[in-house]
PDB file of N, CA and C in Angstrom:
ATOM      1  N   MET A   1       0.605  -0.757  -0.095  1.00  0.00           N
ATOM      2  CA  MET A   1      -0.022  -0.051   0.151  1.00  0.00           C
ATOM      3  C   MET A   1       1.339   0.941   0.205  1.00  0.00           C
ATOM      4  N   GLN A   2       0.599   2.208  -0.918  1.00  0.00           N
ATOM      5  CA  GLN A   2       1.580   3.565  -1.044  1.00  0.00           C
ATOM      6  C   GLN A   2       0.207   4.671  -0.079  1.00  0.00           C
ATOM      7  N   ARG A   3       0.758   5.516   0.212  1.00  0.00           N
ATOM      8  CA  ARG A   3      -0.203   6.897   0.464  1.00  0.00           C
ATOM      9  C   ARG A   3      -0.523   7.866  -1.250  1.00  0.00           C
ATOM     10  N   VAL A   4      -1.459   8.407  -1.330  1.00  0.00           N
ATOM     11  CA  VAL A   4      -1.380   9.095  -2.720  1.00  0.00           C
ATOM     12  C   VAL A   4      -1.774  10.625  -2.699  1.00  0.00           C
ATOM     13  N   TYR A   5      -2.405  10.803  -1.295  1.00  0.00           N
ATOM     14  CA  TYR A   5      -3.111  12.116  -1.041  1.00  0.00           C
ATOM     15  C   TYR A   5      -3.043  12.060   0.364  1.00  0.00           C
ATOM     16  N   ILE A   6      -3.259  13.281   1.406  1.00  0.00           N
ATOM     17  CA  ILE A   6      -3.818  13.715   2.286  1.00  0.00           C
ATOM     18  C   ILE A   6      -4.211  15.384   2.022  1.00  0.00           C
ATOM     19  N   ALA A   7      -5.672  14.299   2.796  1.00  0.00           N
ATOM     20  CA  ALA A   7      -7.254  15.419   2.740  1.00  0.00           C
ATOM     21  C   ALA A   7      -6.420  16.537   3.423  1.00  0.00           C
ATOM     22  N   ASN A   8      -7.592  18.078   3.451  1.00  0.00           N
ATOM     23  CA  ASN A   8      -7.969  18.637   4.585  1.00  0.00           C
ATOM     24  C   ASN A   8      -8.946  18.087   5.054  1.00  0.00           C
ATOM     25  N   THR A   9      -9.408  17.212   4.818  1.00  0.00           N
ATOM     26  CA  THR A   9     -11.630  17.168   5.576  1.00  0.00           C
ATOM     27  C   THR A   9     -11.714  15.383   5.088  1.00  0.00           C
ATOM     28  N   LEU A  10     -12.350  15.516   5.960  1.00  0.00           N
ATOM     29  CA  LEU A  10     -12.996  13.662   5.982  1.00  0.00           C
ATOM     30  C   LEU A  10     -14.037  13.506   4.226  1.00  0.00           C
ATOM     31  N   LEU A  11     -14.882  15.151   3.971  1.00  0.00           N
ATOM     32  CA  LEU A  11     -15.329  14.992   2.728  1.00  0.00           C
ATOM     33  C   LEU A  11     -14.678  15.025   1.410  1.00  0.00           C
ATOM     34  N   ASP A  12     -13.368  16.227   1.838  1.00  0.00           N
ATOM     35  CA  ASP A  12     -12.392  16.024   0.483  1.00  0.00           C
ATOM     36  C   ASP A  12     -11.554  14.392   0.068  1.00  0.00           C
ATOM     37  N   ALA A  13     -11.391  13.742   1.781  1.00  0.00           N
ATOM     38  CA  ALA A  13     -10.945  12.531   1.642  1.00  0.00           C
ATOM     39  C   ALA A  13     -12.073  11.525   0.467  1.00  0.00           C
ATOM     40  N   GLN A  14     -12.945  11.869   0.532  1.00  0.00           N
ATOM     41  CA  GLN A  14     -14.412  11.211   0.475  1.00  0.00           C
ATOM     42  C   GLN A  14     -14.468  11.330  -1.237  1.00  0.00           C
ATOM     43  N   LEU A  15     -14.436  12.339  -1.534  1.00  0.00           N
ATOM     44  CA  LEU A  15     -14.383  13.014  -2.920  1.00  0.00           C
ATOM     45  C   LEU A  15     -13.105  12.277  -3.585  1.00  0.00           C
ATOM     46  N   ALA A  16     -12.223  12.120  -3.103  1.00  0.00           N
ATOM     47  CA  ALA A  16     -10.780  11.778  -3.594  1.00  0.00           C
ATOM     48  C   ALA A  16     -10.870  10.191  -3.582  1.00  0.00           C
ATOM     49  N   LEU A  17     -11.701   9.387  -3.018  1.00  0.00           N
ATOM     50  CA  LEU A  17     -11.918   8.198  -2.989  1.00  0.00           C
ATOM     51  C   LEU A  17     -12.896   7.449  -3.720  1.00  0.00           C
ATOM     52  N   ASP A  18     -13.548   8.416  -3.972  1.00  0.00           N
ATOM     53  CA  ASP A  18     -14.877   7.464  -5.005  1.00  0.00           C
ATOM     54  C   ASP A  18     -14.655   8.439  -6.329  1.00  0.00           C
ATOM     55  N   THR A  19     -13.663   9.269  -6.418  1.00  0.00           N
ATOM     56  CA  THR A  19     -12.676   9.512  -7.797  1.00  0.00           C
ATOM     57  C   THR A  19     -11.877   7.978  -7.911  1.00  0.00           C
ATOM     58  N   LEU A  20     -11.187   7.389  -7.079  1.00  0.00           N
ATOM     59  CA  LEU A  20     -10.116   6.495  -7.684  1.00  0.00           C
ATOM     60  C   LEU A  20     -11.077   5.246  -7.966  1.00  0.00           C
ATOM     61  N   ARG A  21     -11.828   5.051  -6.947  1.00  0.00           N
ATOM     62  CA  ARG A  21     -13.477   3.880  -7.032  1.00  0.00           C
ATOM     63  C   ARG A  21     -14.234   3.851  -8.798  1.00  0.00           C
ATOM     64  N   ALA A  22     -14.002   5.403  -8.940  1.00  0.00           N
ATOM     65  CA  ALA A  22     -14.381   5.105 -10.148  1.00  0.00           C
ATOM     66  C   ALA A  22     -14.029   4.706 -11.465  1.00  0.00           C
ATOM     67  N   LEU A  23     -12.479   4.707 -11.038  1.00  0.00           N
ATOM     68  CA  LEU A  23     -11.575   4.577 -12.109  1.00  0.00           C
ATOM     69  C   LEU A  23     -10.479   3.226 -11.759  1.00  0.00           C
ATOM     70  N   HIS A  24     -11.456   2.698 -11.107  1.00  0.00           N
ATOM     71  CA  HIS A  24     -11.450   0.714 -10.586  1.00  0.00           C
ATOM     72  C   HIS A  24      -9.829   1.134 -10.012  1.00  0.00           C
ATOM     73  N   ILE A  25      -9.131   2.269  -8.984  1.00  0.00           N
ATOM     74  CA  ILE A  25      -8.619   2.031  -8.530  1.00  0.00           C
ATOM     75  C   ILE A  25      -8.963   1.420  -6.886  1.00  0.00           C
ATOM     76  N   GLU A  26      -8.308   0.600  -6.548  1.00  0.00           N
ATOM     77  CA  GLU A  26      -8.528   0.327  -5.562  1.00  0.00           C
ATOM     78  C   GLU A  26      -8.235   0.747  -4.010  1.00  0.00           C
ATOM     79  N   ALA A  27      -8.747   1.891  -3.469  1.00  0.00           N
ATOM     80  CA  ALA A  27      -8.611   2.706  -2.200  1.00  0.00           C
ATOM     81  C   ALA A  27      -9.273   2.645  -0.691  1.00  0.00           C
ATOM     82  N   HIS A  28      -8.023   2.783   0.017  1.00  0.00           N
ATOM     83  CA  HIS A  28      -8.844   2.967   1.715  1.00  0.00           C
ATOM     84  C   HIS A  28      -8.975   5.184   2.088  1.00  0.00           C
ATOM     85  N   VAL A  29      -9.359   4.654   2.742  1.00  0.00           N
ATOM     86  CA  VAL A  29      -9.425   6.237   3.733  1.00  0.00           C
ATOM     87  C   VAL A  29      -9.228   5.741   4.946  1.00  0.00           C
ATOM     88  N   LEU A  30      -7.533   6.337   5.362  1.00  0.00           N
ATOM     89  CA  LEU A  30      -6.916   6.360   6.634  1.00  0.00           C
ATOM     90  C   LEU A  30      -6.776   7.695   7.200  1.00  0.00           C
ATOM     91  N   ASN A  31      -7.243   7.122   8.967  1.00  0.00           N
ATOM     92  CA  ASN A  31      -7.480   8.385   9.561  1.00  0.00           C
ATOM     93  C   ASN A  31      -8.393   9.263   9.726  1.00  0.00           C
ATOM     94  N   ALA A  32      -9.675   8.605   9.465  1.00  0.00           N
ATOM     95  CA  ALA A  32     -11.284   8.849   9.082  1.00  0.00           C
ATOM     96  C   ALA A  32     -11.943   9.368  10.440  1.00  0.00           C
ATOM     97  N   HIS A  33     -11.158   8.471  11.580  1.00  0.00           N
ATOM     98  CA  HIS A  33     -11.613   8.919  12.721  1.00  0.00           C
ATOM     99  C   HIS A  33     -10.843   9.414  13.613  1.00  0.00           C
ATOM    100  N   ALA A  34      -9.424   9.688  13.076  1.00  0.00           N
ATOM    101  CA  ALA A  34      -8.949  10.742  13.713  1.00  0.00           C
ATOM    102  C   ALA A  34      -8.699  11.761  14.509  1.00  0.00           C
ATOM    103  N   ALA A  35      -9.657  12.887  13.798  1.00  0.00           N
ATOM    104  CA  ALA A  35      -9.690  14.473  14.498  1.00  0.00           C
ATOM    105  C   ALA A  35      -9.801  14.532  15.833  1.00  0.00           C
ATOM    106  N   GLY A  36     -10.091  12.962  16.741  1.00  0.00           N
ATOM    107  CA  GLY A  36     -10.363  13.270  18.423  1.00  0.00           C
ATOM    108  C   GLY A  36      -9.346  13.332  19.031  1.00  0.00           C
ATOM    109  N   ALA A  37      -8.017  12.759  18.182  1.00  0.00           N
ATOM    110  CA  ALA A  37      -6.949  12.477  18.898  1.00  0.00           C
ATOM    111  C   ALA A  37      -6.196  14.829  18.251  1.00  0.00           C
ATOM    112  N   LEU A  38      -6.704  14.758  17.651  1.00  0.00           N
ATOM    113  CA  LEU A  38      -6.122  16.305  17.772  1.00  0.00           C
ATOM    114  C   LEU A  38      -5.607  17.175  19.309  1.00  0.00           C
ATOM    115  N   GLY A  39      -4.906  17.845  19.206  1.00  0.00           N
ATOM    116  CA  GLY A  39      -4.149  17.994  20.652  1.00  0.00           C
ATOM    117  C   GLY A  39      -3.377  17.190  21.297  1.00  0.00           C
ATOM    118  N   GLU A  40      -3.638  15.724  20.989  1.00  0.00           N
ATOM    119  CA  GLU A  40      -2.477  15.071  21.262  1.00  0.00           C
ATOM    120  C   GLU A  40      -1.973  14.380  20.757  1.00  0.00           C
ATOM    121  N   VAL A  41      -1.994  14.308  19.177  1.00  0.00           N
ATOM    122  CA  VAL A  41      -0.788  14.288  18.067  1.00  0.00           C
ATOM    123  C   VAL A  41      -1.220  15.446  17.257  1.00  0.00           C
ATOM    124  N   PRO A  42       0.378  15.774  16.407  1.00  0.00           N
ATOM    125  CA  PRO A  42       0.385  17.481  15.989  1.00  0.00           C
ATOM    126  C   PRO A  42      -0.863  16.760  14.609  1.00  0.00           C
ATOM    127  N   PHE A  43      -1.761  17.643  13.550  1.00  0.00           N
ATOM    128  CA  PHE A  43      -2.406  17.571  13.444  1.00  0.00           C
ATOM    129  C   PHE A  43      -2.568  16.884  11.907  1.00  0.00           C
ATOM    130  N   THR A  44      -1.071  17.339  11.507  1.00  0.00           N
ATOM    131  CA  THR A  44      -0.718  16.559  10.495  1.00  0.00           C
ATOM    132  C   THR A  44      -0.977  15.294  10.221  1.00  0.00           C
ATOM    133  N   GLN A  45      -0.805  14.074  11.566  1.00  0.00           N
ATOM    134  CA  GLN A  45      -0.509  12.944  11.932  1.00  0.00           C
ATOM    135  C   GLN A  45      -2.003  12.677  11.863  1.00  0.00           C
ATOM    136  N   ALA A  46      -3.495  13.489  12.090  1.00  0.00           N
ATOM    137  CA  ALA A  46      -4.273  13.517  12.247  1.00  0.00           C
ATOM    138  C   ALA A  46      -5.552  13.086  11.024  1.00  0.00           C
ATOM    139  N   MET A  47      -4.487  13.816  10.018  1.00  0.00           N
ATOM    140  CA  MET A  47      -5.339  14.398   8.748  1.00  0.00           C
ATOM    141  C   MET A  47      -6.030  13.173   7.782  1.00  0.00           C
ATOM    142  N   PRO A  48      -6.755  12.949   7.001  1.00  0.00           N
ATOM    143  CA  PRO A  48      -7.429  12.037   6.415  1.00  0.00           C
ATOM    144  C   PRO A  48      -6.221  11.580   5.036  1.00  0.00           C
ATOM    145  N   GLU A  49      -5.627  10.469   5.491  1.00  0.00           N
ATOM    146  CA  GLU A  49      -5.372   9.696   4.124  1.00  0.00           C
ATOM    147  C   GLU A  49      -5.884   9.027   2.798  1.00  0.00           C
ATOM    148  N   ILE A  50      -5.637   8.954   1.491  1.00  0.00           N
ATOM    149  CA  ILE A  50      -6.048   7.671   1.138  1.00  0.00           C
ATOM    150  C   ILE A  50      -4.976   7.716   0.797  1.00  0.00           C
ATOM    151  N   TRP A  51      -4.667   5.458   0.790  1.00  0.00           N
ATOM    152  CA  TRP A  51      -4.209   4.866   0.159  1.00  0.00           C
ATOM    153  C   TRP A  51      -4.202   4.341  -0.529  1.00  0.00           C
ATOM    154  N   VAL A  52      -3.433   3.660  -1.733  1.00  0.00           N
ATOM    155  CA  VAL A  52      -4.313   2.493  -3.000  1.00  0.00           C
ATOM    156  C   VAL A  52      -3.578   1.432  -2.068  1.00  0.00           C
ATOM    157  N   SER A  53      -4.149   0.345  -2.752  1.00  0.00           N
ATOM    158  CA  SER A  53      -3.494  -1.098  -2.317  1.00  0.00           C
ATOM    159  C   SER A  53      -2.690  -1.719  -2.971  1.00  0.00           C
ATOM    160  N   ASP A  54      -2.676  -1.379  -4.522  1.00  0.00           N
ATOM    161  CA  ASP A  54      -2.097  -1.937  -5.449  1.00  0.00           C
ATOM    162  C   ASP A  54      -1.135  -0.675  -5.989  1.00  0.00           C
ATOM    163  N   ASP A  55       0.367  -1.300  -5.182  1.00  0.00           N
ATOM    164  CA  ASP A  55       1.528  -0.311  -5.124  1.00  0.00           C
ATOM    165  C   ASP A  55       1.814   0.310  -7.362  1.00  0.00           C
ATOM    166  N   SER A  56       1.631  -0.762  -7.725  1.00  0.00           N
ATOM    167  CA  SER A  56       0.885  -0.523  -9.345  1.00  0.00           C
ATOM    168  C   SER A  56       0.299   0.744  -9.768  1.00  0.00           C
ATOM    169  N   GLN A  57      -0.531   0.830  -8.661  1.00  0.00           N
ATOM    170  CA  GLN A  57      -1.397   1.979  -9.653  1.00  0.00           C
ATOM    171  C   GLN A  57      -1.561   3.409  -8.361  1.00  0.00           C
ATOM    172  N   ALA A  58      -0.126   3.533  -7.906  1.00  0.00           N
ATOM    173  CA  ALA A  58      -0.141   4.409  -7.184  1.00  0.00           C
ATOM    174  C   ALA A  58      -0.256   5.380  -7.993  1.00  0.00           C
ATOM    175  N   GLU A  59       1.071   5.947  -8.744  1.00  0.00           N
ATOM    176  CA  GLU A  59       1.059   6.655  -9.618  1.00  0.00           C
ATOM    177  C   GLU A  59       0.546   7.382 -10.510  1.00  0.00           C
ATOM    178  N   ARG A  60      -0.673   6.112 -11.163  1.00  0.00           N
ATOM    179  CA  ARG A  60      -1.854   6.943 -11.731  1.00  0.00           C
ATOM    180  C   ARG A  60      -2.565   7.799 -10.998  1.00  0.00           C
ATOM    181  N   ALA A  61      -3.249   7.219  -9.494  1.00  0.00           N
ATOM    182  CA  ALA A  61      -4.029   7.764  -8.678  1.00  0.00           C
ATOM    183  C   ALA A  61      -3.310   8.984  -8.205  1.00  0.00           C
ATOM    184  N   ARG A  62      -2.402   9.765  -8.252  1.00  0.00           N
ATOM    185  CA  ARG A  62      -1.108  10.792  -7.306  1.00  0.00           C
ATOM    186  C   ARG A  62      -1.939  11.635  -9.036  1.00  0.00           C
ATOM    187  N   GLU A  63      -1.684  11.024 -10.047  1.00  0.00           N
ATOM    188  CA  GLU A  63      -2.033  11.847 -11.570  1.00  0.00           C
ATOM    189  C   GLU A  63      -3.448  12.453 -11.435  1.00  0.00           C
ATOM    190  N   VAL A  64      -4.141  11.299 -11.006  1.00  0.00           N
ATOM    191  CA  VAL A  64      -5.757  11.664 -11.092  1.00  0.00           C
ATOM    192  C   VAL A  64      -5.954  12.928  -9.884  1.00  0.00           C
ATOM    193  N   LEU A  65      -5.174  12.592  -8.628  1.00  0.00           N
ATOM    194  CA  LEU A  65      -5.734  13.625  -7.760  1.00  0.00           C
ATOM    195  C   LEU A  65      -4.864  15.186  -7.996  1.00  0.00           C
ATOM    196  N   MET A  66      -4.013  15.260  -8.771  1.00  0.00           N
ATOM    197  CA  MET A  66      -3.126  16.223  -8.770  1.00  0.00           C
ATOM    198  C   MET A  66      -3.912  17.668  -8.687  1.00  0.00           C
ATOM    199  N   PRO A  67      -4.858  17.577 -10.042  1.00  0.00           N
ATOM    200  CA  PRO A  67      -5.817  18.735  -9.967  1.00  0.00           C
ATOM    201  C   PRO A  67      -6.119  19.185  -8.414  1.00  0.00           C
ATOM    202  N   VAL A  68      -6.825  18.383  -7.581  1.00  0.00           N
ATOM    203  CA  VAL A  68      -7.157  19.135  -6.626  1.00  0.00           C
ATOM    204  C   VAL A  68      -6.546  18.649  -5.780  1.00  0.00           C
ATOM    205  N   GLN A  69      -5.131  18.804  -5.543  1.00  0.00           N
ATOM    206  CA  GLN A  69      -3.613  19.316  -4.507  1.00  0.00           C
ATOM    207  C   GLN A  69      -3.778  20.931  -5.449  1.00  0.00           C
ATOM    208  N   LEU A  70      -4.066  21.085  -5.983  1.00  0.00           N
ATOM    209  CA  LEU A  70      -3.306  21.922  -6.610  1.00  0.00           C
ATOM    210  C   LEU A  70      -4.797  23.235  -6.893  1.00  0.00           C
ATOM    211  N   SER A  71      -6.099  22.939  -5.948  1.00  0.00           N
ATOM    212  CA  SER A  71      -7.125  23.478  -6.903  1.00  0.00           C
ATOM    213  C   SER A  71      -7.533  24.750  -6.122  1.00  0.00           C
ATOM    214  N   ALA A  72      -7.948  25.915  -7.000  1.00  0.00           N
ATOM    215  CA  ALA A  72      -8.481  27.054  -6.464  1.00  0.00           C
ATOM    216  C   ALA A  72      -9.455  27.388  -6.570  1.00  0.00           C
ATOM    217  N   PRO A  73     -10.459  27.897  -6.609  1.00  0.00           N
ATOM    218  CA  PRO A  73     -11.305  28.126  -6.409  1.00  0.00           C
ATOM    219  C   PRO A  73     -11.743  28.350  -8.066  1.00  0.00           C
ATOM    220  N   GLN A  74     -12.727  27.402  -8.369  1.00  0.00           N
ATOM    221  CA  GLN A  74     -13.215  26.975  -9.622  1.00  0.00           C
ATOM    222  C   GLN A  74     -14.486  27.729 -10.501  1.00  0.00           C
ATOM    223  N   ALA A  75     -14.758  27.489 -11.443  1.00  0.00           N
ATOM    224  CA  ALA A  75     -15.889  27.338 -12.353  1.00  0.00           C
ATOM    225  C   ALA A  75     -16.967  25.953 -11.901  1.00  0.00           C
ATOM    226  N   GLU A  76     -18.047  26.315 -12.244  1.00  0.00           N
ATOM    227  CA  GLU A  76     -19.158  25.152 -11.875  1.00  0.00           C
ATOM    228  C   GLU A  76     -18.639  24.418 -13.579  1.00  0.00           C
ATOM    229  N   LYS A  77     -18.786  23.020 -12.775  1.00  0.00           N
ATOM    230  CA  LYS A  77     -18.021  21.968 -13.843  1.00  0.00           C
ATOM    231  C   LYS A  77     -20.174  21.477 -14.202  1.00  0.00           C
ATOM    232  N   PHE A  78     -20.293  20.972 -15.343  1.00  0.00           N
ATOM    233  CA  PHE A  78     -21.023  20.474 -16.194  1.00  0.00           C
ATOM    234  C   PHE A  78     -21.059  18.760 -16.464  1.00  0.00           C
ATOM    235  N   CYS A  79     -21.691  18.087 -15.345  1.00  0.00           N
ATOM    236  CA  CYS A  79     -21.417  16.494 -15.228  1.00  0.00           C
ATOM    237  C   CYS A  79     -21.525  15.751 -16.472  1.00  0.00           C
ATOM    238  N   PRO A  80     -21.040  15.309 -17.236  1.00  0.00           N
ATOM    239  CA  PRO A  80     -21.149  14.532 -18.789  1.00  0.00           C
ATOM    240  C   PRO A  80     -22.285  13.966 -18.656  1.00  0.00           C
ATOM    241  N   ARG A  81     -22.659  12.996 -17.777  1.00  0.00           N
ATOM    242  CA  ARG A  81     -23.406  11.815 -17.899  1.00  0.00           C
ATOM    243  C   ARG A  81     -24.996  12.628 -18.105  1.00  0.00           C
ATOM    244  N   CYS A  82     -25.251  13.431 -16.786  1.00  0.00           N
ATOM    245  CA  CYS A  82     -26.923  13.414 -16.620  1.00  0.00           C
ATOM    246  C   CYS A  82     -26.438  15.224 -16.288  1.00  0.00           C
ATOM    247  N   GLY A  83     -25.849  15.954 -17.051  1.00  0.00           N
ATOM    248  CA  GLY A  83     -25.768  17.482 -16.922  1.00  0.00           C
ATOM    249  C   GLY A  83     -26.041  18.401 -15.809  1.00  0.00           C
ATOM    250  N   GLU A  84     -26.060  17.585 -15.174  1.00  0.00           N
ATOM    251  CA  GLU A  84     -26.268  18.657 -13.926  1.00  0.00           C
ATOM    252  C   GLU A  84     -24.725  19.350 -13.409  1.00  0.00           C
ATOM    253  N   VAL A  85     -25.165  21.041 -13.210  1.00  0.00           N
ATOM    254  CA  VAL A  85     -23.841  21.493 -12.570  1.00  0.00           C
ATOM    255  C   VAL A  85     -23.508  21.152 -11.238  1.00  0.00           C
ATOM    256  N   ASN A  86     -22.547  21.667 -10.774  1.00  0.00           N
ATOM    257  CA  ASN A  86     -21.433  20.935  -9.576  1.00  0.00           C
ATOM    258  C   ASN A  86     -20.610  22.285  -9.638  1.00  0.00           C
ATOM    259  N   PRO A  87     -20.116  22.285  -7.993  1.00  0.00           N
ATOM    260  CA  PRO A  87     -19.486  23.233  -7.836  1.00  0.00           C
ATOM    261  C   PRO A  87     -18.075  22.830  -8.401  1.00  0.00           C
ATOM    262  N   GLY A  88     -17.242  24.030  -8.787  1.00  0.00           N
ATOM    263  CA  GLY A  88     -16.027  23.446  -9.915  1.00  0.00           C
ATOM    264  C   GLY A  88     -15.103  22.656  -8.200  1.00  0.00           C
ATOM    265  N   ASN A  89     -14.616  22.303  -7.123  1.00  0.00           N
ATOM    266  CA  ASN A  89     -14.185  21.424  -6.224  1.00  0.00           C
ATOM    267  C   ASN A  89     -14.845  19.957  -7.079  1.00  0.00           C
ATOM    268  N   PHE A  90     -15.726  20.057  -6.861  1.00  0.00           N
ATOM    269  CA  PHE A  90     -16.205  18.414  -7.124  1.00  0.00           C
ATOM    270  C   PHE A  90     -15.623  17.531  -7.964  1.00  0.00           C
ATOM    271  N   LEU A  91     -15.543  16.450  -8.003  1.00  0.00           N
ATOM    272  CA  LEU A  91     -15.064  15.552  -8.218  1.00  0.00           C
ATOM    273  C   LEU A  91     -15.903  14.248  -9.127  1.00  0.00           C
ATOM    274  N   SER A  92     -17.033  14.348  -8.096  1.00  0.00           N
ATOM    275  CA  SER A  92     -17.795  13.358  -8.976  1.00  0.00           C
ATOM    276  C   SER A  92     -19.441  14.396  -8.951  1.00  0.00           C
ATOM    277  N   CYS A  93     -20.414  13.963  -9.663  1.00  0.00           N
ATOM    278  CA  CYS A  93     -20.989  14.636  -9.950  1.00  0.00           C
ATOM    279  C   CYS A  93     -22.048  14.551  -8.393  1.00  0.00           C
ATOM    280  N   TRP A  94     -23.189  15.696  -7.608  1.00  0.00           N
ATOM    281  CA  TRP A  94     -23.602  15.489  -6.384  1.00  0.00           C
ATOM    282  C   TRP A  94     -25.127  14.570  -6.971  1.00  0.00           C
ATOM    283  N   HIS A  95     -25.434  14.827  -8.083  1.00  0.00           N
ATOM    284  CA  HIS A  95     -26.619  13.917  -8.524  1.00  0.00           C
ATOM    285  C   HIS A  95     -26.762  12.592  -9.228  1.00  0.00           C
ATOM    286  N   CYS A  96     -25.768  12.054  -9.999  1.00  0.00           N
ATOM    287  CA  CYS A  96     -25.480  10.626 -10.407  1.00  0.00           C
ATOM    288  C   CYS A  96     -24.363  10.154 -10.054  1.00  0.00           C
ATOM    289  N   GLY A  97     -23.122  10.867  -9.297  1.00  0.00           N
ATOM    290  CA  GLY A  97     -22.124  10.250  -8.929  1.00  0.00           C
ATOM    291  C   GLY A  97     -21.174   9.703  -9.981  1.00  0.00           C
ATOM    292  N   GLY A  98     -21.255  10.372 -10.876  1.00  0.00           N
ATOM    293  CA  GLY A  98     -20.847  10.189 -12.494  1.00  0.00           C
ATOM    294  C   GLY A  98     -19.123  11.132 -12.121  1.00  0.00           C
ATOM    295  N   THR A  99     -18.497  10.479 -12.865  1.00  0.00           N
ATOM    296  CA  THR A  99     -16.920  11.589 -12.536  1.00  0.00           C
ATOM    297  C   THR A  99     -16.876  12.466 -13.553  1.00  0.00           C
ATOM    298  N   LEU A 100     -16.414  13.434 -13.091  1.00  0.00           N
ATOM    299  CA  LEU A 100     -16.360  15.126 -13.821  1.00  0.00           C
ATOM    300  C   LEU A 100     -14.907  15.488 -14.019  1.00  0.00           C
ATOM    301  N   ALA A 101     -14.729  15.934 -15.123  1.00  0.00           N
ATOM    302  CA  ALA A 101     -13.345  16.025 -15.573  1.00  0.00           C
ATOM    303  C   ALA A 101     -12.660  17.293 -15.113  1.00  0.00           C
ATOM    304  N   ALA A 102     -11.151  16.971 -14.782  1.00  0.00           N
ATOM    305  CA  ALA A 102     -10.580  18.055 -14.141  1.00  0.00           C
ATOM    306  C   ALA A 102     -10.621  19.285 -15.200  1.00  0.00           C
ATOM    307  N   THR A 103     -10.605  20.573 -14.545  1.00  0.00           N
ATOM    308  CA  THR A 103     -10.627  21.705 -15.618  1.00  0.00           C
ATOM    309  C   THR A 103      -8.990  22.127 -15.094  1.00  0.00           C
TER     310      THR A 103
END
């Protein structure tokens, strides 16, 4: 297993996980319940992390998630599957769950 992403929030981690799973990359969220340890451990050690099960998929996963890590406020995205409008920082459609193209 390799870590490919450190999320700011559990919601961000779940969105990243959903994106990887949509691409058939098996991944897991670690530190999902570590927020309760804040104050006892450094906050960077309690942040949600995405780990891929197959080391050979780690580089692909990092490439897919790179736009997320560099994201700034983005324009809205239209879902290619259902046409629904989504906030620019979404990785998957809130309505149908389809993967949204990186901008």
